[in-house]
N, C-alpha and C. Protein backbone atom coordinates (compact mmCIF):
# COMPACT_ATOMS: atom_id res chain seq x y z
N MET A 1 -51.00 -42.85 -14.96
CA MET A 1 -50.17 -41.48 -15.28
C MET A 1 -49.32 -41.68 -15.72
N ALA A 2 -48.26 -40.08 -15.82
CA ALA A 2 -48.40 -39.29 -16.98
C ALA A 2 -46.79 -40.30 -15.68
N LEU A 3 -45.69 -40.60 -16.91
CA LEU A 3 -44.15 -40.15 -16.49
C LEU A 3 -43.61 -39.25 -16.78
N ILE A 4 -42.87 -38.28 -16.47
CA ILE A 4 -42.19 -36.91 -16.91
C ILE A 4 -41.24 -37.10 -17.09
N ASN A 5 -40.20 -35.78 -17.78
CA ASN A 5 -39.63 -34.69 -17.16
C ASN A 5 -40.22 -33.57 -17.73
N TYR A 6 -39.65 -32.10 -17.46
CA TYR A 6 -40.45 -31.28 -18.11
C TYR A 6 -39.60 -29.98 -17.28
N LYS A 7 -40.02 -28.63 -17.65
CA LYS A 7 -39.29 -27.25 -17.78
C LYS A 7 -41.31 -26.24 -17.85
N GLY A 8 -41.40 -25.57 -16.98
CA GLY A 8 -42.35 -25.04 -17.22
C GLY A 8 -41.63 -22.57 -17.87
N THR A 9 -42.09 -23.06 -18.36
CA THR A 9 -41.28 -21.42 -19.12
C THR A 9 -42.63 -19.89 -18.72
N LEU A 10 -41.89 -19.12 -18.05
CA LEU A 10 -43.82 -18.05 -18.15
C LEU A 10 -43.36 -17.63 -20.13
N PRO A 11 -43.52 -16.58 -20.46
CA PRO A 11 -43.75 -15.84 -22.22
C PRO A 11 -41.88 -15.27 -21.80
N ASP A 12 -41.16 -14.61 -20.63
CA ASP A 12 -40.61 -13.27 -20.20
C ASP A 12 -39.28 -14.52 -20.13
N GLY A 13 -39.53 -15.70 -19.87
CA GLY A 13 -37.52 -17.04 -20.71
C GLY A 13 -37.60 -17.76 -19.28
N LYS A 14 -38.40 -16.86 -17.67
CA LYS A 14 -38.51 -17.27 -16.14
C LYS A 14 -38.49 -18.97 -16.32
N VAL A 15 -38.38 -19.91 -15.31
CA VAL A 15 -38.44 -21.36 -14.88
C VAL A 15 -39.21 -20.93 -14.79
N PHE A 16 -40.41 -21.87 -14.37
CA PHE A 16 -41.07 -21.67 -12.78
C PHE A 16 -41.81 -23.61 -11.81
N ASP A 17 -41.40 -23.60 -12.58
CA ASP A 17 -41.17 -25.60 -12.13
C ASP A 17 -40.39 -25.81 -13.50
N GLN A 18 -39.79 -27.66 -12.78
CA GLN A 18 -38.66 -28.32 -13.25
C GLN A 18 -38.95 -29.19 -13.08
N GLN A 19 -38.92 -30.19 -13.15
CA GLN A 19 -38.88 -31.78 -12.09
C GLN A 19 -37.94 -32.80 -13.44
N GLN A 20 -37.47 -33.88 -13.21
CA GLN A 20 -36.90 -35.34 -13.61
C GLN A 20 -37.87 -35.93 -12.78
N GLN A 21 -38.35 -36.78 -13.67
CA GLN A 21 -39.27 -38.37 -13.25
C GLN A 21 -40.73 -38.19 -12.78
N ALA A 22 -41.10 -37.16 -12.74
CA ALA A 22 -42.10 -36.51 -13.00
C ALA A 22 -43.53 -37.41 -12.77
N ALA A 23 -43.79 -37.99 -11.62
CA ALA A 23 -45.38 -38.79 -11.79
C ALA A 23 -46.51 -37.83 -11.93
N LEU A 24 -46.78 -37.87 -12.88
CA LEU A 24 -48.35 -36.83 -13.07
C LEU A 24 -49.52 -37.82 -13.33
N PRO A 25 -50.92 -37.70 -12.09
CA PRO A 25 -51.86 -38.02 -13.10
C PRO A 25 -52.14 -37.45 -13.79
N LEU A 26 -53.17 -37.86 -14.74
CA LEU A 26 -52.94 -37.08 -15.83
C LEU A 26 -54.21 -35.81 -15.04
N ALA A 27 -54.98 -36.37 -14.86
CA ALA A 27 -56.25 -35.11 -14.16
C ALA A 27 -55.66 -34.18 -12.68
N GLY A 28 -55.01 -34.02 -12.73
CA GLY A 28 -54.57 -33.99 -11.79
C GLY A 28 -53.42 -32.21 -12.29
N VAL A 29 -53.56 -31.91 -12.98
CA VAL A 29 -52.84 -30.57 -13.77
C VAL A 29 -53.83 -30.34 -14.67
N VAL A 30 -53.18 -29.39 -15.14
CA VAL A 30 -54.11 -28.00 -15.94
C VAL A 30 -54.61 -28.80 -16.93
N PRO A 31 -55.64 -28.12 -17.54
CA PRO A 31 -55.88 -28.63 -19.12
C PRO A 31 -55.38 -28.92 -19.89
N GLY A 32 -54.69 -27.56 -20.46
CA GLY A 32 -54.07 -28.13 -21.42
C GLY A 32 -53.33 -28.64 -21.16
N PHE A 33 -52.02 -29.24 -20.08
CA PHE A 33 -51.75 -29.45 -20.09
C PHE A 33 -51.01 -31.50 -20.28
N THR A 34 -53.24 -31.78 -19.59
CA THR A 34 -53.90 -33.35 -20.05
C THR A 34 -54.20 -33.46 -21.48
N LYS A 35 -53.95 -32.13 -21.46
CA LYS A 35 -54.74 -31.95 -23.99
C LYS A 35 -53.58 -33.14 -24.60
N ALA A 36 -51.88 -32.10 -23.91
CA ALA A 36 -50.96 -32.10 -24.47
C ALA A 36 -50.75 -33.84 -24.58
N LEU A 37 -50.83 -34.14 -23.75
CA LEU A 37 -50.33 -35.54 -22.71
C LEU A 37 -50.72 -36.73 -23.57
N VAL A 38 -51.59 -36.18 -23.44
CA VAL A 38 -52.03 -37.84 -24.25
C VAL A 38 -52.69 -38.14 -25.66
N GLN A 39 -51.25 -37.29 -25.74
CA GLN A 39 -51.55 -36.43 -27.63
C GLN A 39 -50.17 -36.86 -28.19
N MET A 40 -48.94 -38.01 -26.54
CA MET A 40 -48.51 -37.91 -26.77
C MET A 40 -47.57 -39.27 -27.48
N GLN A 41 -46.71 -39.81 -27.82
CA GLN A 41 -45.82 -40.63 -27.81
C GLN A 41 -44.78 -41.21 -26.58
N ARG A 42 -44.57 -42.01 -25.90
CA ARG A 42 -43.55 -42.52 -25.57
C ARG A 42 -42.43 -42.42 -26.23
N GLY A 43 -41.16 -41.64 -24.86
CA GLY A 43 -39.47 -40.77 -26.14
C GLY A 43 -39.39 -40.21 -26.07
N GLY A 44 -40.95 -39.59 -26.96
CA GLY A 44 -41.47 -38.09 -28.15
C GLY A 44 -40.83 -36.97 -26.56
N LYS A 45 -40.07 -35.93 -27.27
CA LYS A 45 -39.93 -34.46 -26.20
C LYS A 45 -40.48 -33.54 -27.33
N TYR A 46 -41.37 -33.08 -26.70
CA TYR A 46 -42.84 -31.60 -27.24
C TYR A 46 -42.07 -30.90 -26.16
N LYS A 47 -42.60 -29.89 -26.76
CA LYS A 47 -42.69 -28.31 -26.82
C LYS A 47 -44.11 -27.68 -27.33
N VAL A 48 -44.59 -27.49 -25.54
CA VAL A 48 -46.27 -27.27 -25.96
C VAL A 48 -46.25 -25.81 -25.31
N LEU A 49 -47.43 -25.03 -25.92
CA LEU A 49 -47.67 -23.79 -25.80
C LEU A 49 -49.36 -24.09 -24.98
N ILE A 50 -49.36 -23.40 -24.07
CA ILE A 50 -50.39 -23.11 -23.70
C ILE A 50 -51.23 -22.16 -22.49
N PRO A 51 -52.50 -21.77 -23.99
CA PRO A 51 -52.91 -20.66 -23.29
C PRO A 51 -53.24 -20.49 -21.95
N SER A 52 -53.44 -18.80 -21.71
CA SER A 52 -54.19 -18.94 -20.09
C SER A 52 -55.51 -19.49 -19.88
N GLU A 53 -56.93 -19.62 -20.84
CA GLU A 53 -57.06 -20.02 -20.60
C GLU A 53 -57.56 -21.99 -20.59
N LEU A 54 -56.77 -22.80 -21.15
CA LEU A 54 -55.86 -23.63 -20.14
C LEU A 54 -55.72 -23.96 -19.53
N GLY A 55 -54.89 -23.54 -18.94
CA GLY A 55 -53.66 -23.38 -17.68
C GLY A 55 -54.72 -22.33 -16.68
N TYR A 56 -54.60 -22.01 -15.78
CA TYR A 56 -54.62 -21.36 -14.26
C TYR A 56 -55.97 -19.64 -14.67
N GLY A 57 -56.21 -19.20 -15.25
CA GLY A 57 -57.22 -18.30 -16.09
C GLY A 57 -57.14 -17.51 -15.56
N ALA A 58 -57.66 -16.70 -15.04
CA ALA A 58 -58.15 -15.29 -14.59
C ALA A 58 -56.79 -15.80 -12.80
N GLN A 59 -57.40 -16.31 -12.36
CA GLN A 59 -55.91 -16.98 -10.95
C GLN A 59 -54.67 -16.96 -11.19
N GLN A 60 -54.50 -16.28 -9.35
CA GLN A 60 -52.65 -16.28 -9.17
C GLN A 60 -52.48 -17.84 -8.59
N ALA A 61 -51.15 -18.08 -9.43
CA ALA A 61 -51.22 -20.13 -9.63
C ALA A 61 -49.07 -19.93 -8.74
N GLY A 62 -48.67 -19.31 -7.52
CA GLY A 62 -47.20 -19.40 -7.08
C GLY A 62 -47.30 -17.87 -8.18
N PRO A 63 -46.32 -18.48 -8.38
CA PRO A 63 -45.49 -17.74 -9.05
C PRO A 63 -46.42 -17.14 -10.87
N ILE A 64 -46.88 -17.65 -11.22
CA ILE A 64 -47.48 -17.14 -12.45
C ILE A 64 -48.59 -16.69 -11.96
N PRO A 65 -48.54 -15.21 -12.98
CA PRO A 65 -49.18 -14.10 -12.36
C PRO A 65 -51.20 -14.34 -13.30
N PRO A 66 -51.86 -13.47 -12.99
CA PRO A 66 -53.19 -13.86 -13.79
C PRO A 66 -52.93 -13.39 -15.49
N ASN A 67 -53.91 -14.94 -16.44
CA ASN A 67 -53.79 -14.30 -17.33
C ASN A 67 -52.59 -14.72 -18.36
N THR A 68 -51.72 -15.34 -18.32
CA THR A 68 -50.82 -15.71 -17.81
C THR A 68 -50.45 -17.17 -19.18
N ASP A 69 -49.61 -16.47 -20.60
CA ASP A 69 -49.50 -18.30 -21.82
C ASP A 69 -48.57 -19.31 -21.17
N LEU A 70 -48.64 -20.84 -21.36
CA LEU A 70 -47.25 -20.97 -20.44
C LEU A 70 -46.84 -22.25 -21.96
N THR A 71 -45.44 -21.89 -21.48
CA THR A 71 -45.27 -22.65 -22.02
C THR A 71 -44.23 -24.61 -21.56
N PHE A 72 -44.09 -25.34 -21.56
CA PHE A 72 -43.93 -26.33 -21.98
C PHE A 72 -42.83 -27.32 -22.80
N GLU A 73 -41.66 -27.01 -21.98
CA GLU A 73 -40.97 -28.67 -22.12
C GLU A 73 -40.47 -29.66 -22.18
N ILE A 74 -41.54 -30.89 -22.31
CA ILE A 74 -41.88 -31.61 -21.66
C ILE A 74 -41.12 -33.44 -22.50
N GLU A 75 -41.02 -34.71 -22.01
CA GLU A 75 -40.43 -35.60 -22.83
C GLU A 75 -41.07 -36.77 -21.94
N LEU A 76 -41.93 -37.04 -22.79
CA LEU A 76 -42.89 -38.77 -21.93
C LEU A 76 -41.97 -39.64 -22.38
N LEU A 77 -41.97 -40.63 -20.96
CA LEU A 77 -40.95 -40.94 -20.65
C LEU A 77 -41.96 -42.56 -20.45
N ASP A 78 -43.37 -42.38 -20.08
CA ASP A 78 -44.04 -43.59 -19.88
C ASP A 78 -44.85 -43.17 -20.31
N PHE A 79 -46.14 -44.03 -19.44
CA PHE A 79 -47.83 -43.94 -18.63
C PHE A 79 -47.62 -45.11 -17.96
N ARG A 80 -47.59 -45.26 -16.92
CA ARG A 80 -47.83 -46.42 -15.92
C ARG A 80 -48.89 -45.86 -15.25
N SER A 81 -49.06 -47.03 -14.25
CA SER A 81 -50.31 -47.13 -12.93
C SER A 81 -50.18 -46.53 -12.09
N ARG A 82 -49.73 -45.61 -11.59
CA ARG A 82 -49.10 -45.63 -9.43
C ARG A 82 -48.70 -46.62 -8.92
N ALA A 83 -48.45 -47.38 -9.04
CA ALA A 83 -48.59 -48.54 -8.13
C ALA A 83 -46.96 -49.39 -9.09
N GLU A 84 -47.18 -49.02 -10.46
CA GLU A 84 -46.27 -49.23 -10.25
C GLU A 84 -45.17 -48.27 -10.21
N ILE A 85 -45.53 -47.21 -10.69
CA ILE A 85 -43.82 -45.55 -10.39
C ILE A 85 -44.41 -45.54 -9.12
N GLU A 86 -44.40 -46.65 -7.45
CA GLU A 86 -44.03 -46.56 -6.37
C GLU A 86 -43.48 -47.37 -6.71
N GLN A 87 -43.77 -47.95 -7.09
CA GLN A 87 -43.03 -49.37 -6.97
C GLN A 87 -41.43 -48.84 -7.30
N GLN A 88 -41.10 -47.73 -8.88
CA GLN A 88 -40.17 -48.17 -9.44
C GLN A 88 -39.26 -47.24 -8.64
N GLN A 89 -40.42 -45.84 -7.74
CA GLN A 89 -39.72 -44.88 -7.24
C GLN A 89 -38.91 -45.27 -5.54
N ARG A 90 -39.44 -46.63 -5.31
CA ARG A 90 -38.34 -47.20 -3.97
C ARG A 90 -37.67 -47.72 -4.16
N MET A 91 -37.77 -48.82 -5.73
CA MET A 91 -36.93 -49.37 -6.41
C MET A 91 -35.44 -48.44 -6.12
N THR A 92 -35.83 -46.95 -7.28
CA THR A 92 -34.59 -46.21 -7.35
C THR A 92 -34.08 -45.71 -5.61
N ARG A 93 -34.98 -45.73 -4.76
CA ARG A 93 -34.72 -44.73 -3.72
C ARG A 93 -32.82 -45.62 -2.68
N PHE A 94 -33.41 -47.40 -2.63
CA PHE A 94 -32.59 -48.42 -1.82
C PHE A 94 -32.75 -49.16 -3.27
N GLY A 95 -32.38 -49.19 -4.14
CA GLY A 95 -31.90 -50.31 -5.60
C GLY A 95 -30.12 -49.37 -5.52
């Protein structure tokens, strides 16, 4: 799993999603996002353009219209196992 801070925007600059310390399974995101994450280094900050064919393609995805290119600003905090991330989240909540 990747532990990241990110902000996703549409071509007009409208933010459609943003999270801090998000724990994302590499297989649980659009192909372009996974492709970018595996090339990143811990601690790095990246701006990634994902063409629609590696994003949601022709389908509507919430506020994202069909055939829309996406831009993500991503800070890769770490790669961790699900158990490590869950333990950290418990410690943050109760610590």
